[in-house]
Amino acid sequence: MNTKHTTGKFSIYENAPGNKHRFLIHDSAGQTIATTTGDPDHAPDYYRALANARLIAAAPDLLAALILAEDRMAVVIENDTDSGQPEDTELVAAWQTALAAIAKATGETA
């Protein structure tokens, strides 16, 4: 199966049907792409649902920023390797973590 994530900016809309609060995450076309639900009478549930909605809404921006950072890290690592400088193991670990997270988000293999 070849699928791609929804691109563009995401927005959060709060909706309160019945006794549950739902946070609807919409894409740039206004389509609901995800929903989180929390009970407003149980604060931890409500705030967890809101935090999850915020994280989902930030996903496109986070992925774009991570791709830019990963690309820059790769250049630095390659330049260090070419110049014979000692390898920055923390930078390499961060780069590998970034590659794995990008692969997870895009459905590719790292």
C-alpha atoms as a PDB file:
ATOM      1  CA  MET A   1       0.000   0.000   0.000  1.00  0.00           C
ATOM      2  CA  ASN A   2       1.390   3.386  -0.974  1.00  0.00           C
ATOM      3  CA  THR A   3      -0.109   6.102   1.234  1.00  0.00           C
ATOM      4  CA  LYS A   4       0.962   9.651   1.968  1.00  0.00           C
ATOM      5  CA  HIS A   5       0.224  11.863   4.910  1.00  0.00           C
ATOM      6  CA  THR A   6      -2.031  14.883   4.607  1.00  0.00           C
ATOM      7  CA  THR A   7       0.012  17.967   3.823  1.00  0.00           C
ATOM      8  CA  GLY A   8      -0.587  21.542   4.840  1.00  0.00           C
ATOM      9  CA  LYS A   9      -1.414  23.351   8.034  1.00  0.00           C
ATOM     10  CA  PHE A  10      -3.715  21.680  10.563  1.00  0.00           C
ATOM     11  CA  SER A  11      -6.180  23.484  12.845  1.00  0.00           C
ATOM     12  CA  ILE A  12      -7.976  22.464  16.040  1.00  0.00           C
ATOM     13  CA  TYR A  13     -11.696  22.975  16.602  1.00  0.00           C
ATOM     14  CA  GLU A  14     -13.395  22.199  19.876  1.00  0.00           C
ATOM     15  CA  ASN A  15     -16.794  20.535  19.730  1.00  0.00           C
ATOM     16  CA  ALA A  16     -18.935  19.474  22.697  1.00  0.00           C
ATOM     17  CA  PRO A  17     -21.532  16.849  21.714  1.00  0.00           C
ATOM     18  CA  GLY A  18     -23.212  15.274  24.743  1.00  0.00           C
ATOM     19  CA  ASN A  19     -21.020  15.126  27.828  1.00  0.00           C
ATOM     20  CA  LYS A  20     -17.682  14.674  26.050  1.00  0.00           C
ATOM     21  CA  HIS A  21     -15.449  17.312  24.557  1.00  0.00           C
ATOM     22  CA  ARG A  22     -14.014  16.467  21.186  1.00  0.00           C
ATOM     23  CA  PHE A  23     -11.140  18.231  19.572  1.00  0.00           C
ATOM     24  CA  LEU A  24     -11.340  17.969  15.798  1.00  0.00           C
ATOM     25  CA  ILE A  25      -8.140  18.371  13.815  1.00  0.00           C
ATOM     26  CA  HIS A  26      -8.795  19.749  10.332  1.00  0.00           C
ATOM     27  CA  ASP A  27      -6.509  19.943   7.339  1.00  0.00           C
ATOM     28  CA  SER A  28      -6.143  23.090   5.239  1.00  0.00           C
ATOM     29  CA  ALA A  29      -9.224  22.088   3.207  1.00  0.00           C
ATOM     30  CA  GLY A  30     -11.359  21.922   6.368  1.00  0.00           C
ATOM     31  CA  GLN A  31     -11.601  18.129   6.398  1.00  0.00           C
ATOM     32  CA  THR A  32     -11.435  16.379   9.770  1.00  0.00           C
ATOM     33  CA  ILE A  33      -8.323  14.213   9.806  1.00  0.00           C
ATOM     34  CA  ALA A  34      -8.292  13.244  13.499  1.00  0.00           C
ATOM     35  CA  THR A  35     -10.330  13.534  16.676  1.00  0.00           C
ATOM     36  CA  THR A  36      -9.331  13.423  20.322  1.00  0.00           C
ATOM     37  CA  THR A  37     -11.881  13.125  23.112  1.00  0.00           C
ATOM     38  CA  GLY A  38     -11.752  14.046  26.775  1.00  0.00           C
ATOM     39  CA  ASP A  39     -14.277  14.287  29.577  1.00  0.00           C
ATOM     40  CA  PRO A  40     -14.489  17.941  30.721  1.00  0.00           C
ATOM     41  CA  ASP A  41     -15.573  16.750  34.181  1.00  0.00           C
ATOM     42  CA  HIS A  42     -12.310  14.817  34.521  1.00  0.00           C
ATOM     43  CA  ALA A  43      -9.566  17.385  33.971  1.00  0.00           C
ATOM     44  CA  PRO A  44      -6.727  14.935  33.194  1.00  0.00           C
ATOM     45  CA  ASP A  45      -8.752  13.387  30.339  1.00  0.00           C
ATOM     46  CA  TYR A  46      -9.734  16.780  28.964  1.00  0.00           C
ATOM     47  CA  TYR A  47      -6.208  18.217  29.052  1.00  0.00           C
ATOM     48  CA  ARG A  48      -4.690  15.007  27.643  1.00  0.00           C
ATOM     49  CA  ALA A  49      -7.122  15.196  24.717  1.00  0.00           C
ATOM     50  CA  LEU A  50      -6.238  18.852  24.174  1.00  0.00           C
ATOM     51  CA  ALA A  51      -2.485  18.126  24.359  1.00  0.00           C
ATOM     52  CA  ASN A  52      -2.846  15.271  21.861  1.00  0.00           C
ATOM     53  CA  ALA A  53      -4.852  17.500  19.514  1.00  0.00           C
ATOM     54  CA  ARG A  54      -2.132  20.158  19.692  1.00  0.00           C
ATOM     55  CA  LEU A  55       0.563  17.587  18.942  1.00  0.00           C
ATOM     56  CA  ILE A  56      -1.344  16.240  15.933  1.00  0.00           C
ATOM     57  CA  ALA A  57      -2.002  19.778  14.672  1.00  0.00           C
ATOM     58  CA  ALA A  58       1.707  20.591  14.947  1.00  0.00           C
ATOM     59  CA  ALA A  59       2.783  17.424  13.104  1.00  0.00           C
ATOM     60  CA  PRO A  60       3.249  18.958   9.616  1.00  0.00           C
ATOM     61  CA  ASP A  61       5.388  21.784  11.024  1.00  0.00           C
ATOM     62  CA  LEU A  62       7.372  19.394  13.226  1.00  0.00           C
ATOM     63  CA  LEU A  63       8.047  17.069  10.301  1.00  0.00           C
ATOM     64  CA  ALA A  64       9.141  19.942   8.049  1.00  0.00           C
ATOM     65  CA  ALA A  65      11.484  21.287  10.744  1.00  0.00           C
ATOM     66  CA  LEU A  66      12.923  17.838  11.410  1.00  0.00           C
ATOM     67  CA  ILE A  67      13.582  17.249   7.701  1.00  0.00           C
ATOM     68  CA  LEU A  68      15.470  20.572   7.519  1.00  0.00           C
ATOM     69  CA  ALA A  69      17.462  19.786  10.664  1.00  0.00           C
ATOM     70  CA  GLU A  70      18.276  16.254   9.471  1.00  0.00           C
ATOM     71  CA  ASP A  71      19.505  17.589   6.144  1.00  0.00           C
ATOM     72  CA  ARG A  72      21.787  20.090   7.888  1.00  0.00           C
ATOM     73  CA  MET A  73      23.080  17.437  10.300  1.00  0.00           C
ATOM     74  CA  ALA A  74      23.916  15.166   7.351  1.00  0.00           C
ATOM     75  CA  VAL A  75      25.956  17.956   5.728  1.00  0.00           C
ATOM     76  CA  VAL A  76      27.877  18.651   8.943  1.00  0.00           C
ATOM     77  CA  ILE A  77      28.594  14.951   9.508  1.00  0.00           C
ATOM     78  CA  GLU A  78      29.730  14.511   5.901  1.00  0.00           C
ATOM     79  CA  ASN A  79      32.002  17.593   6.079  1.00  0.00           C
ATOM     80  CA  ASP A  80      33.509  16.412   9.378  1.00  0.00           C
ATOM     81  CA  THR A  81      34.150  12.956   7.912  1.00  0.00           C
ATOM     82  CA  ASP A  82      35.714  14.409   4.746  1.00  0.00           C
ATOM     83  CA  SER A  83      38.000  16.745   6.725  1.00  0.00           C
ATOM     84  CA  GLY A  84      39.178  13.968   9.028  1.00  0.00           C
ATOM     85  CA  GLN A  85      37.762  15.604  12.155  1.00  0.00           C
ATOM     86  CA  PRO A  86      36.702  13.333  15.007  1.00  0.00           C
ATOM     87  CA  GLU A  87      33.109  12.189  14.699  1.00  0.00           C
ATOM     88  CA  ASP A  88      30.621  13.974  16.983  1.00  0.00           C
ATOM     89  CA  THR A  89      28.843  10.932  18.406  1.00  0.00           C
ATOM     90  CA  GLU A  90      26.010  12.991  19.912  1.00  0.00           C
ATOM     91  CA  LEU A  91      25.318  14.645  16.558  1.00  0.00           C
ATOM     92  CA  VAL A  92      25.399  11.286  14.778  1.00  0.00           C
ATOM     93  CA  ALA A  93      22.964   9.848  17.366  1.00  0.00           C
ATOM     94  CA  ALA A  94      20.640  12.850  16.918  1.00  0.00           C
ATOM     95  CA  TRP A  95      20.839  12.467  13.146  1.00  0.00           C
ATOM     96  CA  GLN A  96      19.997   8.750  13.357  1.00  0.00           C
ATOM     97  CA  THR A  97      17.061   9.528  15.658  1.00  0.00           C
ATOM     98  CA  ALA A  98      15.848  12.175  13.213  1.00  0.00           C
ATOM     99  CA  LEU A  99      16.084   9.715  10.320  1.00  0.00           C
ATOM    100  CA  ALA A 100      14.067   7.131  12.269  1.00  0.00           C
ATOM    101  CA  ALA A 101      11.385   9.667  13.225  1.00  0.00           C
ATOM    102  CA  ILE A 102      11.072  10.908   9.626  1.00  0.00           C
ATOM    103  CA  ALA A 103      10.768   7.317   8.405  1.00  0.00           C
ATOM    104  CA  LYS A 104       8.083   6.630  11.006  1.00  0.00           C
ATOM    105  CA  ALA A 105       6.141   9.743  10.001  1.00  0.00           C
ATOM    106  CA  THR A 106       6.397   9.094   6.270  1.00  0.00           C
ATOM    107  CA  GLY A 107       6.065   5.314   6.305  1.00  0.00           C
ATOM    108  CA  GLU A 108       9.486   4.807   4.766  1.00  0.00           C
ATOM    109  CA  THR A 109      12.321   2.694   6.092  1.00  0.00           C
ATOM    110  CA  ALA A 110      15.301   4.384   7.687  1.00  0.00           C
END
